[in-house]
Amino acid sequence: MSVGSNGVIDRWLLNKKWTAKQLTAPPADGDLSGLEPVPGDPGLPLVGHSLEMLRLGVRYGLKRYQTHGPVSWVKAFGITVVAAAGPEAAQVVLANKDKAYSQQGWTYFIGPFFNRGLMLLDFEEHLYHRRLMQQAFTSDRLAAYLGRVAEVARRGLGGWRPDASFEVYPALKRLTLDIATEIFMASELGAADSGRLTRAFIDTVRAGTALIRLPVGRWGAGLRGRKVLEDYFRRSLPAKRASDSDDLFAALCHARTDDGEMFTDDDVVNHMIFLMMAAHDTSTITTSAVSYYLGKHPEWQDKVRAESLALGDEPLDMAALDGLRSLDLVIKESLRLVAPVPSLVRKTVKDTDLLGHYVPAGTLVSLTPWVNHLLPQYWPDPLRFDPERFAEGRREDKVHRFAWMPFGGGVHKCIGMHFGMYEVKTLVHEMLRRFEWSLPPDYEVRWDPTSLPVPTDGLPVALHAR
């Protein structure tokens, strides 16, 4: 990945000087009176900084951090947002000790598409839903899920055909959706449903950065995608309530508190839409990033393949996957260089102090894990692929608890992060056993920063059967 300038427009945007203005000053009396107002600027008329963010992605965030520091305000997507970058700012917001930061920040961007998904719930309500949902992510359930991951992965990879220009990303997208539907729903999708649901998930994710929030264009496609997903899960729900299957859909239908309380039908549908999106989108991005770096660095591909081949032909359980040490390092470094969820959003529910700056109630606050992962004061030579950063004896990720945060942090840390890591390990392990792949030495992937990072060209590799 390159975060340098790319063309005349990028150079102009990255070199542009921003004139700082001030967000609201703190009240003259009270506990917050000594704080500084947040510096920042509105950007271009009407669109603010929206085009720069969409065009540059993490390069914009890094430039913003270098210019204004960890806390600044911008206008983008029709609103004013306080950008909070760097581990110190992330710790304040995600630890949320005074409960000033709410998940309502997500509502503005993705509320209509992922209504009342776990990530959008707050405080006690979030804790209640998370505790119920945790019953679907116990160790025993993870072990059962993983056996089926390997089975679906082997079946799916059997359909891959060696090619001088094989597009990894769309192939993985289909495969991870197949895994999610079979494991989370105990069903297989036909070609028509698979294509329709894939399109619906893509549209709902991309809709959050629409500049025009009307039932047309990207926003409209997201609304239609939400309806497709909702109709699909509602049709399936009665049978799942009556079943005794061990998939995640059934687990949500049957989960209950000690007092006998259960998720409503609406709860189950909302959580399934969110979890299905999170389960296959982030796994696709991470596995694509790992594939890219292993293609660019054949010495690491050979190293991790040797570990995989040494374990024989049987599908791997959790203990065996934990033993793939080199692959673990490669995945962690890939997550650093390509954060699957590049930004997190919160909304202040009361006036608060953010690193000495006054942030009033009702302010949207955007965190940028991807920026945190590339700051040179925490990561020496941050753009270099170096999995040994995470090896014992170096552990650069330990320099600050929020320097590396691909799964978020605080009480909203990803509930499926262990399953996600095991799924990616299984996918890459099975790919390494079956294939070798390479990239031209001068090839550099471009990640589309419109919503979640996606390779703009599908990530074409030279794929060879072993």
Protein backbone atom coordinates (compact mmCIF):
# COMPACT_ATOMS: atom_id res chain seq x y z
CA MET A 1 0.00 0.00 0.00
CA SER A 2 1.13 3.51 -0.73
CA VAL A 3 -0.14 6.52 1.15
CA GLY A 4 1.89 8.97 -0.89
CA SER A 5 0.47 11.37 -3.49
CA ASN A 6 -1.12 9.89 -6.56
CA GLY A 7 -1.45 12.31 -9.46
CA VAL A 8 -1.84 16.07 -9.72
CA ILE A 9 -5.06 16.20 -7.70
CA ASP A 10 -3.62 14.17 -4.83
CA ARG A 11 -0.48 16.32 -4.70
CA TRP A 12 -2.59 19.47 -4.56
CA LEU A 13 -4.79 18.08 -1.81
CA LEU A 14 -1.90 16.80 0.27
CA ASN A 15 0.12 20.01 -0.05
CA LYS A 16 -2.82 22.34 0.53
CA LYS A 17 -2.54 24.61 3.57
CA TRP A 18 -5.55 24.65 5.85
CA THR A 19 -6.40 27.80 7.78
CA ALA A 20 -7.50 26.86 11.28
CA LYS A 21 -10.70 28.24 12.75
CA GLN A 22 -12.17 27.37 16.11
CA LEU A 23 -15.09 25.20 17.12
CA THR A 24 -17.32 26.45 19.94
CA ALA A 25 -15.40 27.87 22.90
CA PRO A 26 -16.09 26.34 26.33
CA PRO A 27 -18.41 28.11 28.80
CA ALA A 28 -16.77 30.78 30.94
CA ASP A 29 -17.55 28.92 34.17
CA GLY A 30 -17.71 25.30 35.20
CA ASP A 31 -15.35 22.30 35.08
CA LEU A 32 -14.62 22.66 31.35
CA SER A 33 -13.91 26.39 31.34
CA GLY A 34 -10.14 26.04 30.96
CA LEU A 35 -10.26 23.90 27.82
CA GLU A 36 -9.16 24.95 24.34
CA PRO A 37 -11.65 25.10 21.48
CA VAL A 38 -11.10 22.51 18.74
CA PRO A 39 -9.13 23.90 15.75
CA GLY A 40 -10.22 23.13 12.21
CA ASP A 41 -11.66 24.41 8.95
CA PRO A 42 -14.77 23.95 6.80
CA GLY A 43 -13.07 23.06 3.52
CA LEU A 44 -14.75 23.79 0.20
CA PRO A 45 -18.18 25.43 -0.05
CA LEU A 46 -21.08 22.95 0.18
CA VAL A 47 -19.01 19.75 0.03
CA GLY A 48 -16.49 20.64 2.73
CA HIS A 49 -13.79 17.96 2.91
CA SER A 50 -16.00 15.15 1.57
CA LEU A 51 -14.26 14.84 -1.80
CA GLU A 52 -10.81 14.81 -0.22
CA MET A 53 -11.82 12.07 2.21
CA LEU A 54 -13.35 9.96 -0.54
CA ARG A 55 -10.41 10.53 -2.86
CA LEU A 56 -7.50 10.14 -0.45
CA GLY A 57 -8.77 7.97 2.38
CA VAL A 58 -6.02 7.33 4.90
CA ARG A 59 -3.67 9.76 3.14
CA TYR A 60 -6.11 12.54 4.00
CA GLY A 61 -6.25 11.45 7.64
CA LEU A 62 -2.47 11.37 7.94
CA LYS A 63 -2.14 14.84 6.43
CA ARG A 64 -4.85 16.13 8.75
CA TYR A 65 -3.02 14.70 11.76
CA GLN A 66 0.29 16.25 10.66
CA THR A 67 -1.34 19.64 10.12
CA HIS A 68 -3.72 19.97 13.06
CA GLY A 69 -2.67 17.29 15.51
CA PRO A 70 -4.88 14.62 17.07
CA VAL A 71 -8.06 16.72 17.43
CA SER A 72 -9.55 18.98 14.75
CA TRP A 73 -12.91 19.70 13.16
CA VAL A 74 -13.96 19.45 9.53
CA LYS A 75 -17.10 19.80 7.48
CA ALA A 76 -17.94 16.70 5.43
CA PHE A 77 -21.03 14.87 4.21
CA GLY A 78 -23.24 17.79 5.20
CA ILE A 79 -22.19 17.95 8.85
CA THR A 80 -19.42 19.13 11.17
CA VAL A 81 -17.24 16.31 12.52
CA VAL A 82 -14.43 16.36 15.08
CA ALA A 83 -11.62 14.13 13.83
CA ALA A 84 -9.86 12.31 16.68
CA ALA A 85 -6.68 10.56 15.51
CA GLY A 86 -3.86 8.82 17.32
CA PRO A 87 -3.85 6.36 20.23
CA GLU A 88 -4.33 8.97 22.98
CA ALA A 89 -7.50 10.36 21.42
CA ALA A 90 -8.78 6.84 20.72
CA GLN A 91 -8.27 5.86 24.34
CA VAL A 92 -10.30 8.80 25.63
CA VAL A 93 -13.19 8.15 23.27
CA LEU A 94 -13.31 4.35 23.41
CA ALA A 95 -12.61 3.96 27.13
CA ASN A 96 -15.44 6.52 27.53
CA LYS A 97 -15.02 6.82 31.28
CA ASP A 98 -17.57 9.62 31.68
CA LYS A 99 -20.04 8.03 29.19
CA ALA A 100 -19.92 11.12 26.99
CA TYR A 101 -19.57 9.22 23.69
CA SER A 102 -22.56 7.46 22.19
CA GLN A 103 -22.96 5.05 19.26
CA GLN A 104 -25.51 7.52 17.86
CA GLY A 105 -22.68 8.76 15.66
CA TRP A 106 -23.19 5.70 13.46
CA THR A 107 -26.88 6.50 13.04
CA TYR A 108 -26.23 9.46 10.75
CA PHE A 109 -24.15 7.35 8.35
CA ILE A 110 -25.55 3.82 8.47
CA GLY A 111 -28.62 3.93 10.72
CA PRO A 112 -31.17 3.33 7.93
CA PHE A 113 -29.19 0.34 6.65
CA PHE A 114 -28.08 -1.39 9.85
CA ASN A 115 -30.87 -0.27 12.15
CA ARG A 116 -30.31 -1.39 15.76
CA GLY A 117 -27.40 -3.65 14.93
CA LEU A 118 -25.19 -4.30 17.96
CA MET A 119 -22.72 -1.60 16.93
CA LEU A 120 -25.48 1.04 17.02
CA LEU A 121 -26.73 0.30 20.55
CA ASP A 122 -25.65 2.20 23.65
CA PHE A 123 -24.79 1.70 27.28
CA GLU A 124 -27.14 -0.63 29.24
CA GLU A 125 -29.13 -1.66 26.19
CA HIS A 126 -25.92 -2.56 24.37
CA LEU A 127 -24.70 -4.56 27.36
CA TYR A 128 -28.00 -6.49 27.51
CA HIS A 129 -27.90 -7.37 23.81
CA ARG A 130 -24.19 -8.21 23.88
CA ARG A 131 -24.60 -10.60 26.81
CA LEU A 132 -27.40 -12.41 25.01
CA MET A 133 -25.45 -12.49 21.76
CA GLN A 134 -22.36 -13.82 23.51
CA GLN A 135 -24.17 -17.16 23.77
CA ALA A 136 -23.58 -17.51 20.02
CA PHE A 137 -19.80 -17.04 20.41
CA THR A 138 -18.85 -19.50 23.16
CA SER A 139 -15.75 -21.66 22.73
CA ASP A 140 -17.84 -24.73 21.94
CA ARG A 141 -19.79 -22.86 19.26
CA LEU A 142 -16.58 -21.42 17.76
CA ALA A 143 -15.12 -24.92 17.52
CA ALA A 144 -18.25 -26.15 15.73
CA TYR A 145 -18.27 -23.16 13.37
CA LEU A 146 -14.62 -23.63 12.42
CA GLY A 147 -15.02 -27.23 11.32
CA ARG A 148 -17.56 -26.03 8.79
CA VAL A 149 -15.39 -23.07 7.72
CA ALA A 150 -12.70 -25.48 6.52
CA GLU A 151 -15.30 -27.62 4.75
CA VAL A 152 -16.84 -24.69 2.86
CA ALA A 153 -13.41 -23.19 2.13
CA ARG A 154 -12.15 -26.44 0.59
CA ARG A 155 -15.26 -26.77 -1.51
CA GLY A 156 -15.08 -23.16 -2.67
CA LEU A 157 -11.37 -23.16 -3.42
CA GLY A 158 -11.91 -26.28 -5.50
CA GLY A 159 -13.71 -24.04 -7.97
CA TRP A 160 -10.81 -21.61 -8.36
CA ARG A 161 -8.94 -22.03 -11.63
CA PRO A 162 -5.27 -21.02 -12.06
CA ASP A 163 -4.97 -17.91 -14.17
CA ALA A 164 -2.32 -15.35 -15.04
CA SER A 165 -4.71 -12.64 -13.84
CA PHE A 166 -6.99 -14.16 -11.21
CA GLU A 167 -9.00 -11.53 -9.27
CA VAL A 168 -8.71 -12.52 -5.63
CA TYR A 169 -11.11 -10.05 -4.05
CA PRO A 170 -14.37 -11.00 -5.81
CA ALA A 171 -13.53 -14.70 -5.46
CA LEU A 172 -13.00 -14.28 -1.72
CA LYS A 173 -16.14 -12.15 -1.44
CA ARG A 174 -18.23 -15.03 -2.83
CA LEU A 175 -16.44 -17.55 -0.64
CA THR A 176 -16.82 -15.63 2.63
CA LEU A 177 -20.52 -15.04 1.95
CA ASP A 178 -20.93 -18.78 1.38
CA ILE A 179 -19.14 -19.42 4.69
CA ALA A 180 -21.28 -16.86 6.53
CA THR A 181 -24.57 -18.23 5.20
CA GLU A 182 -23.71 -21.86 5.87
CA ILE A 183 -22.29 -21.27 9.34
CA PHE A 184 -24.50 -18.45 10.53
CA MET A 185 -27.66 -19.73 8.87
CA ALA A 186 -27.08 -23.46 8.23
CA SER A 187 -28.08 -23.01 4.62
CA GLU A 188 -26.54 -22.80 1.19
CA LEU A 189 -27.35 -19.99 -1.23
CA GLY A 190 -28.28 -20.60 -4.81
CA ALA A 191 -26.56 -18.51 -7.45
CA ALA A 192 -29.48 -16.08 -7.68
CA ASP A 193 -29.74 -15.49 -3.91
CA SER A 194 -25.95 -15.28 -3.55
CA GLY A 195 -25.68 -12.56 -6.19
CA ARG A 196 -28.68 -10.67 -4.84
CA LEU A 197 -27.50 -10.70 -1.21
CA THR A 198 -23.92 -9.84 -2.13
CA ARG A 199 -25.17 -6.81 -4.06
CA ALA A 200 -27.43 -5.83 -1.15
CA PHE A 201 -24.56 -6.00 1.37
CA ILE A 202 -22.28 -3.97 -0.91
CA ASP A 203 -24.97 -1.31 -1.43
CA THR A 204 -25.79 -0.97 2.27
CA VAL A 205 -22.12 -0.58 3.23
CA ARG A 206 -21.35 1.99 0.51
CA ALA A 207 -24.48 4.06 1.19
CA GLY A 208 -23.04 5.53 4.39
CA THR A 209 -20.76 7.91 2.48
CA ALA A 210 -23.39 9.12 -0.01
CA LEU A 211 -23.21 12.88 -0.56
CA ILE A 212 -26.90 13.08 -1.53
CA ARG A 213 -29.22 11.56 1.07
CA LEU A 214 -32.30 11.01 -1.05
CA PRO A 215 -33.89 7.73 -2.23
CA VAL A 216 -31.77 7.84 -5.38
CA GLY A 217 -28.16 7.00 -6.25
CA ARG A 218 -25.98 5.37 -3.60
CA TRP A 219 -28.32 6.24 -0.71
CA GLY A 220 -31.32 4.82 -2.55
CA ALA A 221 -29.41 1.65 -3.43
CA GLY A 222 -28.60 1.22 0.26
CA LEU A 223 -32.27 1.54 1.22
CA ARG A 224 -33.25 -1.05 -1.37
CA GLY A 225 -30.43 -3.33 -0.21
CA ARG A 226 -31.67 -3.10 3.37
CA LYS A 227 -35.14 -4.18 2.25
CA VAL A 228 -33.75 -7.17 0.35
CA LEU A 229 -31.85 -8.31 3.44
CA GLU A 230 -34.73 -7.69 5.83
CA ASP A 231 -37.20 -9.62 3.65
CA TYR A 232 -34.77 -12.52 3.33
CA PHE A 233 -34.21 -12.92 7.08
CA ARG A 234 -37.87 -12.38 7.99
CA ARG A 235 -38.92 -15.18 5.64
CA SER A 236 -36.37 -17.51 7.23
CA LEU A 237 -37.07 -16.60 10.86
CA PRO A 238 -40.15 -18.76 11.73
CA ALA A 239 -38.42 -21.96 10.61
CA LYS A 240 -35.27 -20.98 12.48
CA ARG A 241 -37.24 -20.32 15.69
CA ALA A 242 -38.62 -23.86 15.43
CA SER A 243 -35.31 -25.54 14.58
CA ASP A 244 -32.68 -27.06 16.83
CA SER A 245 -29.74 -26.34 14.50
CA ASP A 246 -26.45 -25.06 15.93
CA ASP A 247 -25.88 -22.09 13.61
CA LEU A 248 -25.68 -18.47 14.77
CA PHE A 249 -29.16 -17.58 13.44
CA ALA A 250 -30.69 -20.31 15.62
CA ALA A 251 -28.48 -19.30 18.56
CA LEU A 252 -29.89 -15.76 18.42
CA CYS A 253 -33.43 -17.12 18.16
CA HIS A 254 -32.98 -19.32 21.23
CA ALA A 255 -30.68 -17.18 23.42
CA ARG A 256 -32.30 -16.23 26.71
CA THR A 257 -31.41 -14.55 29.97
CA ASP A 258 -31.68 -16.20 33.38
CA ASP A 259 -35.11 -14.55 33.61
CA GLY A 260 -36.22 -16.12 30.35
CA GLU A 261 -36.05 -12.97 28.23
CA MET A 262 -35.28 -13.47 24.52
CA PHE A 263 -34.55 -11.40 21.43
CA THR A 264 -37.66 -10.22 19.59
CA ASP A 265 -38.08 -11.08 15.90
CA ASP A 266 -37.02 -7.53 15.04
CA ASP A 267 -33.91 -7.91 17.21
CA VAL A 268 -32.92 -11.15 15.49
CA VAL A 269 -33.38 -9.69 12.00
CA ASN A 270 -31.44 -6.52 12.85
CA HIS A 271 -28.58 -8.45 14.43
CA MET A 272 -28.37 -10.98 11.58
CA ILE A 273 -28.12 -8.24 8.95
CA PHE A 274 -25.34 -6.53 10.87
CA LEU A 275 -23.46 -9.71 11.79
CA MET A 276 -23.63 -11.14 8.28
CA MET A 277 -22.21 -7.90 6.88
CA ALA A 278 -19.47 -7.73 9.49
CA ALA A 279 -18.62 -11.42 9.21
CA HIS A 280 -17.98 -11.54 5.50
CA ASP A 281 -16.91 -7.98 4.63
CA THR A 282 -14.11 -7.68 7.16
CA SER A 283 -12.91 -11.25 6.55
CA THR A 284 -12.84 -10.62 2.79
CA ILE A 285 -10.82 -7.42 3.20
CA THR A 286 -8.35 -9.00 5.63
CA THR A 287 -7.83 -12.14 3.55
CA SER A 288 -7.38 -9.99 0.44
CA ALA A 289 -4.77 -7.87 2.23
CA VAL A 290 -2.93 -10.99 3.42
CA SER A 291 -3.03 -12.38 -0.14
CA TYR A 292 -1.60 -9.12 -1.46
CA TYR A 293 1.31 -9.00 0.96
CA LEU A 294 2.12 -12.69 0.53
CA GLY A 295 2.11 -12.13 -3.24
CA LYS A 296 4.46 -9.16 -2.82
CA HIS A 297 6.72 -10.98 -0.38
CA PRO A 298 7.28 -14.57 -1.62
CA GLU A 299 9.74 -15.28 1.20
CA TRP A 300 6.88 -14.89 3.68
CA GLN A 301 4.53 -16.90 1.49
CA ASP A 302 7.04 -19.76 1.51
CA LYS A 303 7.50 -19.45 5.27
CA VAL A 304 3.82 -19.58 6.19
CA ARG A 305 3.14 -22.33 3.63
CA ALA A 306 5.84 -24.51 5.21
CA GLU A 307 4.10 -24.18 8.59
CA SER A 308 0.75 -25.11 7.03
CA LEU A 309 2.05 -28.12 5.10
CA ALA A 310 3.73 -29.44 8.24
CA LEU A 311 0.29 -29.90 9.83
CA GLY A 312 -0.93 -32.45 7.30
CA ASP A 313 -4.18 -32.64 5.35
CA GLU A 314 -6.82 -32.70 8.08
CA PRO A 315 -8.86 -29.51 8.75
CA LEU A 316 -7.36 -27.51 11.60
CA ASP A 317 -9.01 -26.97 14.97
CA MET A 318 -8.47 -23.89 17.12
CA ALA A 319 -5.35 -25.27 18.82
CA ALA A 320 -3.71 -26.06 15.47
CA LEU A 321 -4.65 -22.64 14.06
CA ASP A 322 -3.12 -21.02 17.14
CA GLY A 323 0.12 -22.83 16.27
CA LEU A 324 0.47 -21.08 12.90
CA ARG A 325 2.79 -18.46 14.38
CA SER A 326 4.16 -16.96 11.16
CA LEU A 327 0.68 -16.68 9.64
CA ASP A 328 -0.50 -14.95 12.80
CA LEU A 329 2.26 -12.33 12.39
CA VAL A 330 1.38 -11.81 8.72
CA ILE A 331 -2.32 -11.34 9.47
CA LYS A 332 -1.64 -8.84 12.24
CA GLU A 333 0.71 -6.82 10.02
CA SER A 334 -1.84 -6.91 7.18
CA LEU A 335 -4.52 -5.64 9.59
CA ARG A 336 -2.17 -2.81 10.52
CA LEU A 337 -1.47 -1.78 6.94
CA VAL A 338 -5.10 -2.18 5.80
CA ALA A 339 -7.57 -1.57 8.62
CA PRO A 340 -10.79 -3.40 7.58
CA VAL A 341 -12.86 -0.79 9.42
CA PRO A 342 -10.83 2.38 8.79
CA SER A 343 -12.96 4.73 10.91
CA LEU A 344 -15.31 4.64 13.90
CA VAL A 345 -17.96 7.23 14.72
CA ARG A 346 -19.37 8.45 18.02
CA LYS A 347 -21.64 11.32 19.12
CA THR A 348 -21.22 13.25 22.34
CA VAL A 349 -24.25 13.18 24.63
CA LYS A 350 -22.80 15.84 26.93
CA ASP A 351 -20.05 18.45 26.92
CA THR A 352 -16.67 16.80 27.40
CA ASP A 353 -12.88 17.13 27.39
CA LEU A 354 -10.98 15.52 24.51
CA LEU A 355 -7.22 15.88 25.08
CA GLY A 356 -7.67 19.34 26.52
CA HIS A 357 -10.16 20.47 23.87
CA TYR A 358 -13.78 21.38 24.54
CA VAL A 359 -16.24 19.22 22.59
CA PRO A 360 -19.88 20.22 23.12
CA ALA A 361 -22.80 17.82 23.39
CA GLY A 362 -24.28 16.73 20.08
CA THR A 363 -20.94 16.65 18.22
CA LEU A 364 -20.04 13.81 15.86
CA VAL A 365 -16.55 12.45 16.58
CA SER A 366 -14.71 10.29 14.04
CA LEU A 367 -11.85 7.99 15.08
CA THR A 368 -9.40 6.65 12.48
CA PRO A 369 -7.74 3.33 13.42
CA TRP A 370 -6.02 3.25 10.02
CA VAL A 371 -4.23 6.51 10.81
CA ASN A 372 -3.18 5.14 14.20
CA HIS A 373 -1.62 2.14 12.44
CA LEU A 374 0.64 4.32 10.27
CA LEU A 375 1.97 6.97 12.66
CA PRO A 376 5.79 6.89 12.62
CA GLN A 377 6.12 7.82 16.29
CA TYR A 378 4.55 4.45 17.14
CA TRP A 379 5.59 2.32 14.15
CA PRO A 380 9.17 2.64 12.79
CA ASP A 381 9.12 2.80 8.98
CA PRO A 382 5.32 2.46 9.11
CA LEU A 383 4.65 1.72 5.42
CA ARG A 384 7.03 -1.25 5.32
CA PHE A 385 5.55 -4.75 5.50
CA ASP A 386 7.32 -6.22 8.53
CA PRO A 387 5.39 -8.99 10.34
CA GLU A 388 8.19 -9.35 12.89
CA ARG A 389 6.88 -6.14 14.49
CA PHE A 390 4.39 -8.38 16.31
CA ALA A 391 6.92 -11.04 17.35
CA GLU A 392 7.86 -11.49 20.98
CA GLY A 393 10.86 -9.32 21.73
CA ARG A 394 9.57 -6.47 19.57
CA ARG A 395 5.80 -6.22 20.04
CA GLU A 396 5.52 -2.73 18.58
CA ASP A 397 1.78 -3.03 19.05
CA LYS A 398 2.33 -2.84 22.81
CA VAL A 399 3.78 0.68 22.72
CA HIS A 400 0.22 1.92 23.31
CA ARG A 401 -2.96 -0.11 23.81
CA PHE A 402 -4.68 1.82 21.01
CA ALA A 403 -1.79 1.98 18.54
CA TRP A 404 -3.11 -1.22 16.90
CA MET A 405 -6.89 -1.47 17.00
CA PRO A 406 -8.32 -3.34 14.00
CA PHE A 407 -11.17 -4.63 16.17
CA GLY A 408 -11.98 -1.33 17.84
CA GLY A 409 -11.78 -1.07 21.61
CA GLY A 410 -13.67 -0.55 24.82
CA VAL A 411 -17.06 -2.15 25.46
CA HIS A 412 -17.81 -2.12 21.72
CA LYS A 413 -14.74 -4.15 20.74
CA CYS A 414 -15.74 -6.58 17.98
CA ILE A 415 -17.71 -9.48 19.47
CA GLY A 416 -16.66 -11.75 16.62
CA MET A 417 -12.94 -10.94 16.54
CA HIS A 418 -11.81 -14.43 17.60
CA PHE A 419 -14.03 -16.11 15.03
CA GLY A 420 -12.81 -13.61 12.41
CA MET A 421 -9.15 -14.34 13.07
CA TYR A 422 -9.74 -18.10 12.96
CA GLU A 423 -11.73 -17.77 9.73
CA VAL A 424 -8.98 -15.76 8.01
CA LYS A 425 -6.34 -18.21 9.22
CA THR A 426 -8.36 -21.12 7.88
CA LEU A 427 -8.90 -19.45 4.50
CA VAL A 428 -5.23 -18.55 4.04
CA HIS A 429 -4.09 -21.96 5.29
CA GLU A 430 -6.29 -23.69 2.72
CA MET A 431 -5.18 -21.30 -0.05
CA LEU A 432 -1.52 -21.97 0.72
CA ARG A 433 -2.01 -25.74 0.59
CA ARG A 434 -3.65 -25.59 -2.83
CA PHE A 435 -2.05 -22.62 -4.63
CA GLU A 436 0.95 -20.37 -5.11
CA TRP A 437 0.45 -16.78 -6.28
CA SER A 438 2.60 -13.84 -7.27
CA LEU A 439 2.41 -10.18 -8.28
CA PRO A 440 4.57 -8.08 -10.60
CA PRO A 441 7.35 -6.35 -8.64
CA ASP A 442 6.06 -2.90 -9.58
CA TYR A 443 2.40 -3.62 -8.78
CA GLU A 444 0.88 -1.54 -5.95
CA VAL A 445 -2.72 -2.17 -4.94
CA ARG A 446 -5.07 0.82 -4.68
CA TRP A 447 -7.64 0.53 -1.90
CA ASP A 448 -10.92 2.29 -2.65
CA PRO A 449 -11.55 4.45 0.45
CA THR A 450 -15.24 5.14 -0.32
CA SER A 451 -16.45 3.03 2.61
CA LEU A 452 -14.54 -0.10 3.63
CA PRO A 453 -11.20 -0.58 1.80
CA VAL A 454 -11.66 -2.63 -1.37
CA PRO A 455 -9.00 -3.18 -4.08
CA THR A 456 -10.12 -1.06 -7.02
CA ASP A 457 -8.97 -3.63 -9.60
CA GLY A 458 -10.11 -6.79 -7.79
CA LEU A 459 -6.47 -7.62 -6.87
CA PRO A 460 -5.34 -9.66 -9.91
CA VAL A 461 -2.62 -12.21 -9.11
CA ALA A 462 -0.85 -14.90 -11.11
CA LEU A 463 -2.43 -17.98 -9.54
CA HIS A 464 -0.76 -21.39 -9.92
CA ALA A 465 -1.84 -24.81 -8.68
CA ARG A 466 0.65 -26.54 -6.41
